[in-house]
Amino acid sequence: MEQPLVTVLVTTYNQEQYIRQALDSVLAQRTDFPFEVLVSEDAGTDGTRAILREYAARDSRIRLRLREKNVGISRNWYEGLCDAKGEFVCTLEGDDWWLTDDKLQKQADFLRAHPDYAAVSHRLRETDDAGNVYRCLPDDPRVVGRDATVRLFLRGVTFSCTSCMVRNIFRTPDPAREAYVTANRSIADFALCMLYLDAGRVFVMDQALSAYRVAGTDAAHRNYNAATTAVQ
């Protein structure tokens, strides 16, 4: 495979009922550039890993990181970012999916046209297993269609790092950055958002390009984001 412009990092753990939808939404992307799909699976116990091998066998864009030991969301996420080959990196959690087939193209076009920006984000649509749609976030006019800022972020006017495409700031090892992102085993969102804001300007597109799955309706529901307040 030629050098990818974008690495899509898919993180997953025990998401066999959702991972196909996530991967299908990535592989459906129409771009004028090559991209790789790096899937980092955190040693789950269900059938997710078999599905990943099935997809990787039929699509050369998929590269698998299959862990022997569970390390938790934050480290799985961070080490996946460090393994990205692309000039730009974006993430997708294995129970979420993208709503349009031009998400990657729109975000890459923005970063190529705006070299002074470190990252570009967008709105996401909250939904659940039953298909209910709750709201699109962020919905604060101070960041929608505008730049996110540290000042607003610390006041609760947030954006989702899983909606971001960011210039690859993870290529050079940095122990301080690693400690910052992995300090909490289960929550890396806040740290990554702050890193992106520290790296440069972050623009938030006024479009919902991905779906964010909140708590499911079934008793056996498993996902990384088990409550609607996870991002907050």
C-alpha atoms as a PDB file:
ATOM      1  CA  MET A   1       0.000   0.000   0.000  1.00  0.00           C
ATOM      2  CA  GLU A   2       1.239   3.487  -0.844  1.00  0.00           C
ATOM      3  CA  GLN A   3       1.938   5.985   1.917  1.00  0.00           C
ATOM      4  CA  PRO A   4      -1.441   7.045   3.358  1.00  0.00           C
ATOM      5  CA  LEU A   5      -2.327  10.701   3.771  1.00  0.00           C
ATOM      6  CA  VAL A   6      -4.753   9.759   6.566  1.00  0.00           C
ATOM      7  CA  THR A   7      -4.747   7.067   9.216  1.00  0.00           C
ATOM      8  CA  VAL A   8      -8.159   6.136  10.583  1.00  0.00           C
ATOM      9  CA  LEU A   9      -7.649   4.644  14.034  1.00  0.00           C
ATOM     10  CA  VAL A  10     -10.529   2.377  15.069  1.00  0.00           C
ATOM     11  CA  THR A  11     -10.410   1.371  18.742  1.00  0.00           C
ATOM     12  CA  THR A  12     -12.532  -1.541  19.884  1.00  0.00           C
ATOM     13  CA  TYR A  13     -13.237  -3.899  22.772  1.00  0.00           C
ATOM     14  CA  ASN A  14     -16.075  -6.457  22.879  1.00  0.00           C
ATOM     15  CA  GLN A  15     -18.118  -4.780  20.146  1.00  0.00           C
ATOM     16  CA  GLU A  16     -19.007  -7.654  17.838  1.00  0.00           C
ATOM     17  CA  GLN A  17     -22.542  -6.331  17.297  1.00  0.00           C
ATOM     18  CA  TYR A  18     -21.311  -2.902  16.187  1.00  0.00           C
ATOM     19  CA  ILE A  19     -17.876  -3.236  14.602  1.00  0.00           C
ATOM     20  CA  ARG A  20     -19.133  -4.139  11.124  1.00  0.00           C
ATOM     21  CA  GLN A  21     -21.152  -0.925  10.889  1.00  0.00           C
ATOM     22  CA  ALA A  22     -18.149   1.089  12.050  1.00  0.00           C
ATOM     23  CA  LEU A  23     -15.751  -0.485   9.544  1.00  0.00           C
ATOM     24  CA  ASP A  24     -18.241  -0.369   6.677  1.00  0.00           C
ATOM     25  CA  SER A  25     -18.694   3.380   7.213  1.00  0.00           C
ATOM     26  CA  VAL A  26     -14.925   3.894   6.986  1.00  0.00           C
ATOM     27  CA  LEU A  27     -14.360   1.657   3.977  1.00  0.00           C
ATOM     28  CA  ALA A  28     -17.192   3.451   2.156  1.00  0.00           C
ATOM     29  CA  GLN A  29     -15.252   6.729   2.177  1.00  0.00           C
ATOM     30  CA  ARG A  30     -14.617   8.284  -1.225  1.00  0.00           C
ATOM     31  CA  THR A  31     -11.312  10.164  -1.292  1.00  0.00           C
ATOM     32  CA  ASP A  32      -8.751  11.502  -3.738  1.00  0.00           C
ATOM     33  CA  PHE A  33      -5.965  10.277  -1.440  1.00  0.00           C
ATOM     34  CA  PRO A  34      -4.921   6.938   0.081  1.00  0.00           C
ATOM     35  CA  PHE A  35      -5.856   6.155   3.666  1.00  0.00           C
ATOM     36  CA  GLU A  36      -5.181   3.282   6.031  1.00  0.00           C
ATOM     37  CA  VAL A  37      -7.507   1.802   8.644  1.00  0.00           C
ATOM     38  CA  LEU A  38      -5.591   0.876  11.784  1.00  0.00           C
ATOM     39  CA  VAL A  39      -7.754  -1.199  14.133  1.00  0.00           C
ATOM     40  CA  SER A  40      -6.522  -1.507  17.720  1.00  0.00           C
ATOM     41  CA  GLU A  41      -8.380  -4.277  19.547  1.00  0.00           C
ATOM     42  CA  ASP A  42      -7.928  -4.463  23.320  1.00  0.00           C
ATOM     43  CA  ALA A  43      -7.986  -8.216  23.992  1.00  0.00           C
ATOM     44  CA  GLY A  44     -11.731  -8.674  24.197  1.00  0.00           C
ATOM     45  CA  THR A  45     -13.535 -11.934  24.862  1.00  0.00           C
ATOM     46  CA  ASP A  46     -16.306 -11.884  22.248  1.00  0.00           C
ATOM     47  CA  GLY A  47     -16.227 -12.379  18.478  1.00  0.00           C
ATOM     48  CA  THR A  48     -14.841  -8.952  17.545  1.00  0.00           C
ATOM     49  CA  ARG A  49     -11.379 -10.243  16.708  1.00  0.00           C
ATOM     50  CA  ALA A  50     -12.686 -12.839  14.229  1.00  0.00           C
ATOM     51  CA  ILE A  51     -14.655 -10.121  12.435  1.00  0.00           C
ATOM     52  CA  LEU A  52     -11.550  -7.935  12.228  1.00  0.00           C
ATOM     53  CA  ARG A  53      -9.512 -10.735  10.676  1.00  0.00           C
ATOM     54  CA  GLU A  54     -12.290 -11.314   8.160  1.00  0.00           C
ATOM     55  CA  TYR A  55     -12.259  -7.648   7.096  1.00  0.00           C
ATOM     56  CA  ALA A  56      -8.442  -7.425   6.998  1.00  0.00           C
ATOM     57  CA  ALA A  57      -8.254 -10.501   4.758  1.00  0.00           C
ATOM     58  CA  ARG A  58     -10.339  -8.835   2.084  1.00  0.00           C
ATOM     59  CA  ASP A  59      -9.180  -5.195   2.270  1.00  0.00           C
ATOM     60  CA  SER A  60      -5.486  -4.281   2.203  1.00  0.00           C
ATOM     61  CA  ARG A  61      -6.164  -0.866   3.712  1.00  0.00           C
ATOM     62  CA  ILE A  62      -6.861  -2.505   7.081  1.00  0.00           C
ATOM     63  CA  ARG A  63      -3.989  -3.042   9.518  1.00  0.00           C
ATOM     64  CA  LEU A  64      -4.646  -4.828  12.817  1.00  0.00           C
ATOM     65  CA  ARG A  65      -3.204  -4.341  16.298  1.00  0.00           C
ATOM     66  CA  LEU A  66      -4.460  -7.330  18.282  1.00  0.00           C
ATOM     67  CA  ARG A  67      -3.396  -7.082  21.907  1.00  0.00           C
ATOM     68  CA  GLU A  68      -2.492 -10.100  24.032  1.00  0.00           C
ATOM     69  CA  LYS A  69      -3.461  -8.279  27.236  1.00  0.00           C
ATOM     70  CA  ASN A  70      -6.158  -5.721  27.976  1.00  0.00           C
ATOM     71  CA  VAL A  71      -4.657  -2.293  28.709  1.00  0.00           C
ATOM     72  CA  GLY A  72      -7.743  -0.090  28.883  1.00  0.00           C
ATOM     73  CA  ILE A  73      -9.238   2.516  26.601  1.00  0.00           C
ATOM     74  CA  SER A  74      -6.714   5.313  27.064  1.00  0.00           C
ATOM     75  CA  ARG A  75      -3.522   3.340  26.427  1.00  0.00           C
ATOM     76  CA  ASN A  76      -5.076   1.388  23.568  1.00  0.00           C
ATOM     77  CA  TRP A  77      -6.106   4.694  22.024  1.00  0.00           C
ATOM     78  CA  TYR A  78      -2.799   6.466  22.615  1.00  0.00           C
ATOM     79  CA  GLU A  79      -0.548   3.670  21.358  1.00  0.00           C
ATOM     80  CA  GLY A  80      -2.732   3.329  18.287  1.00  0.00           C
ATOM     81  CA  LEU A  81      -2.232   7.017  17.535  1.00  0.00           C
ATOM     82  CA  CYS A  82       1.533   6.584  17.901  1.00  0.00           C
ATOM     83  CA  ASP A  83       1.420   3.747  15.329  1.00  0.00           C
ATOM     84  CA  ALA A  84      -0.378   5.869  12.711  1.00  0.00           C
ATOM     85  CA  LYS A  85       1.464   6.237   9.399  1.00  0.00           C
ATOM     86  CA  GLY A  86      -0.613   9.075   7.950  1.00  0.00           C
ATOM     87  CA  GLU A  87       0.181  12.772   7.845  1.00  0.00           C
ATOM     88  CA  PHE A  88      -3.281  13.253   9.363  1.00  0.00           C
ATOM     89  CA  VAL A  89      -4.987  11.043  11.940  1.00  0.00           C
ATOM     90  CA  CYS A  90      -8.632  10.622  12.921  1.00  0.00           C
ATOM     91  CA  THR A  91     -10.311   8.193  15.296  1.00  0.00           C
ATOM     92  CA  LEU A  92     -13.479   6.156  15.462  1.00  0.00           C
ATOM     93  CA  GLU A  93     -14.650   4.079  18.384  1.00  0.00           C
ATOM     94  CA  GLY A  94     -15.897   0.640  17.400  1.00  0.00           C
ATOM     95  CA  ASP A  95     -19.509   1.217  18.419  1.00  0.00           C
ATOM     96  CA  ASP A  96     -19.887   4.482  16.485  1.00  0.00           C
ATOM     97  CA  TRP A  97     -20.034   5.107  12.734  1.00  0.00           C
ATOM     98  CA  TRP A  98     -19.763   7.795  10.087  1.00  0.00           C
ATOM     99  CA  LEU A  99     -22.870   9.254   8.474  1.00  0.00           C
ATOM    100  CA  THR A 100     -21.481  10.360   5.111  1.00  0.00           C
ATOM    101  CA  ASP A 101     -19.038   8.929   2.594  1.00  0.00           C
ATOM    102  CA  ASP A 102     -17.152  12.222   2.255  1.00  0.00           C
ATOM    103  CA  LYS A 103     -16.203  12.835   5.895  1.00  0.00           C
ATOM    104  CA  LEU A 104     -12.504  12.110   5.343  1.00  0.00           C
ATOM    105  CA  GLN A 105     -12.388  14.157   2.150  1.00  0.00           C
ATOM    106  CA  LYS A 106     -13.990  17.216   3.758  1.00  0.00           C
ATOM    107  CA  GLN A 107     -11.676  17.204   6.741  1.00  0.00           C
ATOM    108  CA  ALA A 108      -8.514  16.500   4.750  1.00  0.00           C
ATOM    109  CA  ASP A 109      -9.428  19.259   2.286  1.00  0.00           C
ATOM    110  CA  PHE A 110      -9.776  21.672   5.195  1.00  0.00           C
ATOM    111  CA  LEU A 111      -6.381  20.833   6.701  1.00  0.00           C
ATOM    112  CA  ARG A 112      -4.646  20.967   3.330  1.00  0.00           C
ATOM    113  CA  ALA A 113      -6.163  24.394   2.659  1.00  0.00           C
ATOM    114  CA  HIS A 114      -5.479  25.730   6.170  1.00  0.00           C
ATOM    115  CA  PRO A 115      -1.905  24.907   7.215  1.00  0.00           C
ATOM    116  CA  ASP A 116      -2.262  27.125  10.287  1.00  0.00           C
ATOM    117  CA  TYR A 117      -4.828  24.724  11.793  1.00  0.00           C
ATOM    118  CA  ALA A 118      -3.800  21.713  13.892  1.00  0.00           C
ATOM    119  CA  ALA A 119      -7.152  19.947  13.662  1.00  0.00           C
ATOM    120  CA  VAL A 120     -10.664  20.111  12.274  1.00  0.00           C
ATOM    121  CA  SER A 121     -13.665  18.708  14.111  1.00  0.00           C
ATOM    122  CA  HIS A 122     -17.384  18.519  13.348  1.00  0.00           C
ATOM    123  CA  ARG A 123     -20.701  17.934  15.056  1.00  0.00           C
ATOM    124  CA  LEU A 124     -21.882  14.428  15.893  1.00  0.00           C
ATOM    125  CA  ARG A 125     -25.342  12.933  16.242  1.00  0.00           C
ATOM    126  CA  GLU A 126     -26.267  11.200  19.486  1.00  0.00           C
ATOM    127  CA  THR A 127     -28.223   8.006  18.890  1.00  0.00           C
ATOM    128  CA  ASP A 128     -28.893   4.661  20.561  1.00  0.00           C
ATOM    129  CA  ASP A 129     -29.424   1.028  19.607  1.00  0.00           C
ATOM    130  CA  ALA A 130     -33.128   1.604  19.048  1.00  0.00           C
ATOM    131  CA  GLY A 131     -32.425   4.305  16.472  1.00  0.00           C
ATOM    132  CA  ASN A 132     -33.539   7.198  18.645  1.00  0.00           C
ATOM    133  CA  VAL A 133     -31.790  10.483  17.863  1.00  0.00           C
ATOM    134  CA  TYR A 134     -31.311  12.850  20.774  1.00  0.00           C
ATOM    135  CA  ARG A 135     -29.277  15.872  19.695  1.00  0.00           C
ATOM    136  CA  CYS A 136     -26.263  16.999  17.712  1.00  0.00           C
ATOM    137  CA  LEU A 137     -23.203  18.111  19.649  1.00  0.00           C
ATOM    138  CA  PRO A 138     -21.649  20.533  20.071  1.00  0.00           C
ATOM    139  CA  ASP A 139     -24.598  22.879  19.866  1.00  0.00           C
ATOM    140  CA  ASP A 140     -23.040  26.014  21.349  1.00  0.00           C
ATOM    141  CA  PRO A 141     -22.918  28.812  18.731  1.00  0.00           C
ATOM    142  CA  ARG A 142     -19.593  29.966  20.151  1.00  0.00           C
ATOM    143  CA  VAL A 143     -17.839  26.958  18.590  1.00  0.00           C
ATOM    144  CA  VAL A 144     -20.154  25.659  15.858  1.00  0.00           C
ATOM    145  CA  GLY A 145     -18.742  26.883  12.557  1.00  0.00           C
ATOM    146  CA  ARG A 146     -15.963  28.563  14.513  1.00  0.00           C
ATOM    147  CA  ASP A 147     -12.710  27.803  16.305  1.00  0.00           C
ATOM    148  CA  ALA A 148     -12.722  25.913  19.586  1.00  0.00           C
ATOM    149  CA  THR A 149     -10.567  27.555  22.259  1.00  0.00           C
ATOM    150  CA  VAL A 150      -8.937  26.510  25.515  1.00  0.00           C
ATOM    151  CA  ARG A 151     -10.829  29.223  27.379  1.00  0.00           C
ATOM    152  CA  LEU A 152     -14.208  27.960  26.183  1.00  0.00           C
ATOM    153  CA  PHE A 153     -13.237  24.320  26.603  1.00  0.00           C
ATOM    154  CA  LEU A 154     -12.374  24.815  30.252  1.00  0.00           C
ATOM    155  CA  ARG A 155     -15.758  26.493  30.712  1.00  0.00           C
ATOM    156  CA  GLY A 156     -17.527  23.404  29.361  1.00  0.00           C
ATOM    157  CA  VAL A 157     -17.927  24.469  25.720  1.00  0.00           C
ATOM    158  CA  THR A 158     -16.410  21.268  24.383  1.00  0.00           C
ATOM    159  CA  PHE A 159     -15.887  19.396  21.148  1.00  0.00           C
ATOM    160  CA  SER A 160     -15.330  15.678  20.604  1.00  0.00           C
ATOM    161  CA  CYS A 161     -11.823  14.460  19.865  1.00  0.00           C
ATOM    162  CA  THR A 162     -13.371  11.444  18.098  1.00  0.00           C
ATOM    163  CA  SER A 163     -14.774  13.885  15.538  1.00  0.00           C
ATOM    164  CA  CYS A 164     -11.364  15.412  14.882  1.00  0.00           C
ATOM    165  CA  MET A 165      -8.883  14.970  12.125  1.00  0.00           C
ATOM    166  CA  VAL A 166      -5.546  16.165  13.486  1.00  0.00           C
ATOM    167  CA  ARG A 167      -2.095  16.631  12.063  1.00  0.00           C
ATOM    168  CA  ASN A 168      -0.005  13.690  13.213  1.00  0.00           C
ATOM    169  CA  ILE A 169       1.597  15.021  16.397  1.00  0.00           C
ATOM    170  CA  PHE A 170       2.234  11.518  17.735  1.00  0.00           C
ATOM    171  CA  ARG A 171       5.157  10.450  15.546  1.00  0.00           C
ATOM    172  CA  THR A 172       7.818  11.622  17.999  1.00  0.00           C
ATOM    173  CA  PRO A 173       7.822   9.777  21.359  1.00  0.00           C
ATOM    174  CA  ASP A 174       6.999  12.055  24.272  1.00  0.00           C
ATOM    175  CA  PRO A 175       6.852  10.525  27.787  1.00  0.00           C
ATOM    176  CA  ALA A 176       5.055  13.572  29.183  1.00  0.00           C
ATOM    177  CA  ARG A 177       2.354  13.393  26.521  1.00  0.00           C
ATOM    178  CA  GLU A 178       1.972   9.658  27.054  1.00  0.00           C
ATOM    179  CA  ALA A 179       1.539  10.111  30.811  1.00  0.00           C
ATOM    180  CA  TYR A 180      -0.994  12.893  30.222  1.00  0.00           C
ATOM    181  CA  VAL A 181      -3.201  10.901  27.846  1.00  0.00           C
ATOM    182  CA  THR A 182      -3.031   7.614  29.764  1.00  0.00           C
ATOM    183  CA  ALA A 183      -3.325   9.000  33.319  1.00  0.00           C
ATOM    184  CA  ASN A 184      -6.954   7.856  33.474  1.00  0.00           C
ATOM    185  CA  ARG A 185      -7.348   4.281  32.224  1.00  0.00           C
ATOM    186  CA  SER A 186     -10.813   4.846  30.780  1.00  0.00           C
ATOM    187  CA  ILE A 187     -11.037   8.502  29.753  1.00  0.00           C
ATOM    188  CA  ALA A 188      -8.635  10.040  27.230  1.00  0.00           C
ATOM    189  CA  ASP A 189     -11.096  12.457  25.581  1.00  0.00           C
ATOM    190  CA  PHE A 190     -10.320  15.511  27.687  1.00  0.00           C
ATOM    191  CA  ALA A 191      -6.562  15.052  27.435  1.00  0.00           C
ATOM    192  CA  LEU A 192      -6.607  14.611  23.646  1.00  0.00           C
ATOM    193  CA  CYS A 193      -8.829  17.650  23.137  1.00  0.00           C
ATOM    194  CA  MET A 194      -6.426  19.746  25.195  1.00  0.00           C
ATOM    195  CA  LEU A 195      -3.442  18.405  23.241  1.00  0.00           C
ATOM    196  CA  TYR A 196      -5.061  19.386  19.963  1.00  0.00           C
ATOM    197  CA  LEU A 197      -5.852  22.868  21.246  1.00  0.00           C
ATOM    198  CA  ASP A 198      -2.278  23.202  22.457  1.00  0.00           C
ATOM    199  CA  ALA A 199      -0.943  22.155  19.053  1.00  0.00           C
ATOM    200  CA  GLY A 200      -2.762  24.957  17.192  1.00  0.00           C
ATOM    201  CA  ARG A 201      -6.132  26.154  15.979  1.00  0.00           C
ATOM    202  CA  VAL A 202      -9.083  23.747  15.936  1.00  0.00           C
ATOM    203  CA  PHE A 203     -12.084  24.421  13.692  1.00  0.00           C
ATOM    204  CA  VAL A 204     -15.516  22.870  14.333  1.00  0.00           C
ATOM    205  CA  MET A 205     -17.554  22.231  11.167  1.00  0.00           C
ATOM    206  CA  ASP A 206     -21.286  22.910  11.341  1.00  0.00           C
ATOM    207  CA  GLN A 207     -22.124  19.430  10.020  1.00  0.00           C
ATOM    208  CA  ALA A 208     -22.969  16.152  11.744  1.00  0.00           C
ATOM    209  CA  LEU A 209     -20.653  13.708   9.968  1.00  0.00           C
ATOM    210  CA  SER A 210     -20.670  10.892  12.525  1.00  0.00           C
ATOM    211  CA  ALA A 211     -22.970   9.119  14.959  1.00  0.00           C
ATOM    212  CA  TYR A 212     -22.136   8.755  18.646  1.00  0.00           C
ATOM    213  CA  ARG A 213     -23.813   5.772  20.264  1.00  0.00           C
ATOM    214  CA  VAL A 214     -25.079   6.414  23.788  1.00  0.00           C
ATOM    215  CA  ALA A 215     -26.281   3.781  26.273  1.00  0.00           C
ATOM    216  CA  GLY A 216     -28.014   0.914  24.536  1.00  0.00           C
ATOM    217  CA  THR A 217     -31.458  -0.432  25.234  1.00  0.00           C
ATOM    218  CA  ASP A 218     -30.416  -4.067  25.683  1.00  0.00           C
ATOM    219  CA  ALA A 219     -29.276  -5.489  29.034  1.00  0.00           C
ATOM    220  CA  ALA A 220     -26.073  -6.927  27.576  1.00  0.00           C
ATOM    221  CA  HIS A 221     -25.081  -3.688  25.851  1.00  0.00           C
ATOM    222  CA  ARG A 222     -21.340  -3.061  25.925  1.00  0.00           C
ATOM    223  CA  ASN A 223     -19.540  -0.009  24.618  1.00  0.00           C
ATOM    224  CA  TYR A 224     -16.861   2.486  25.548  1.00  0.00           C
ATOM    225  CA  ASN A 225     -19.380   5.306  26.029  1.00  0.00           C
ATOM    226  CA  ALA A 226     -21.937   3.812  28.394  1.00  0.00           C
ATOM    227  CA  ALA A 227     -23.510   7.145  29.370  1.00  0.00           C
ATOM    228  CA  THR A 228     -24.576  10.288  27.557  1.00  0.00           C
ATOM    229  CA  THR A 229     -22.322  12.315  29.868  1.00  0.00           C
ATOM    230  CA  ALA A 230     -19.085  10.596  28.812  1.00  0.00           C
ATOM    231  CA  VAL A 231     -17.834  13.506  26.668  1.00  0.00           C
ATOM    232  CA  GLN A 232     -18.838  16.138  29.217  1.00  0.00           C
END
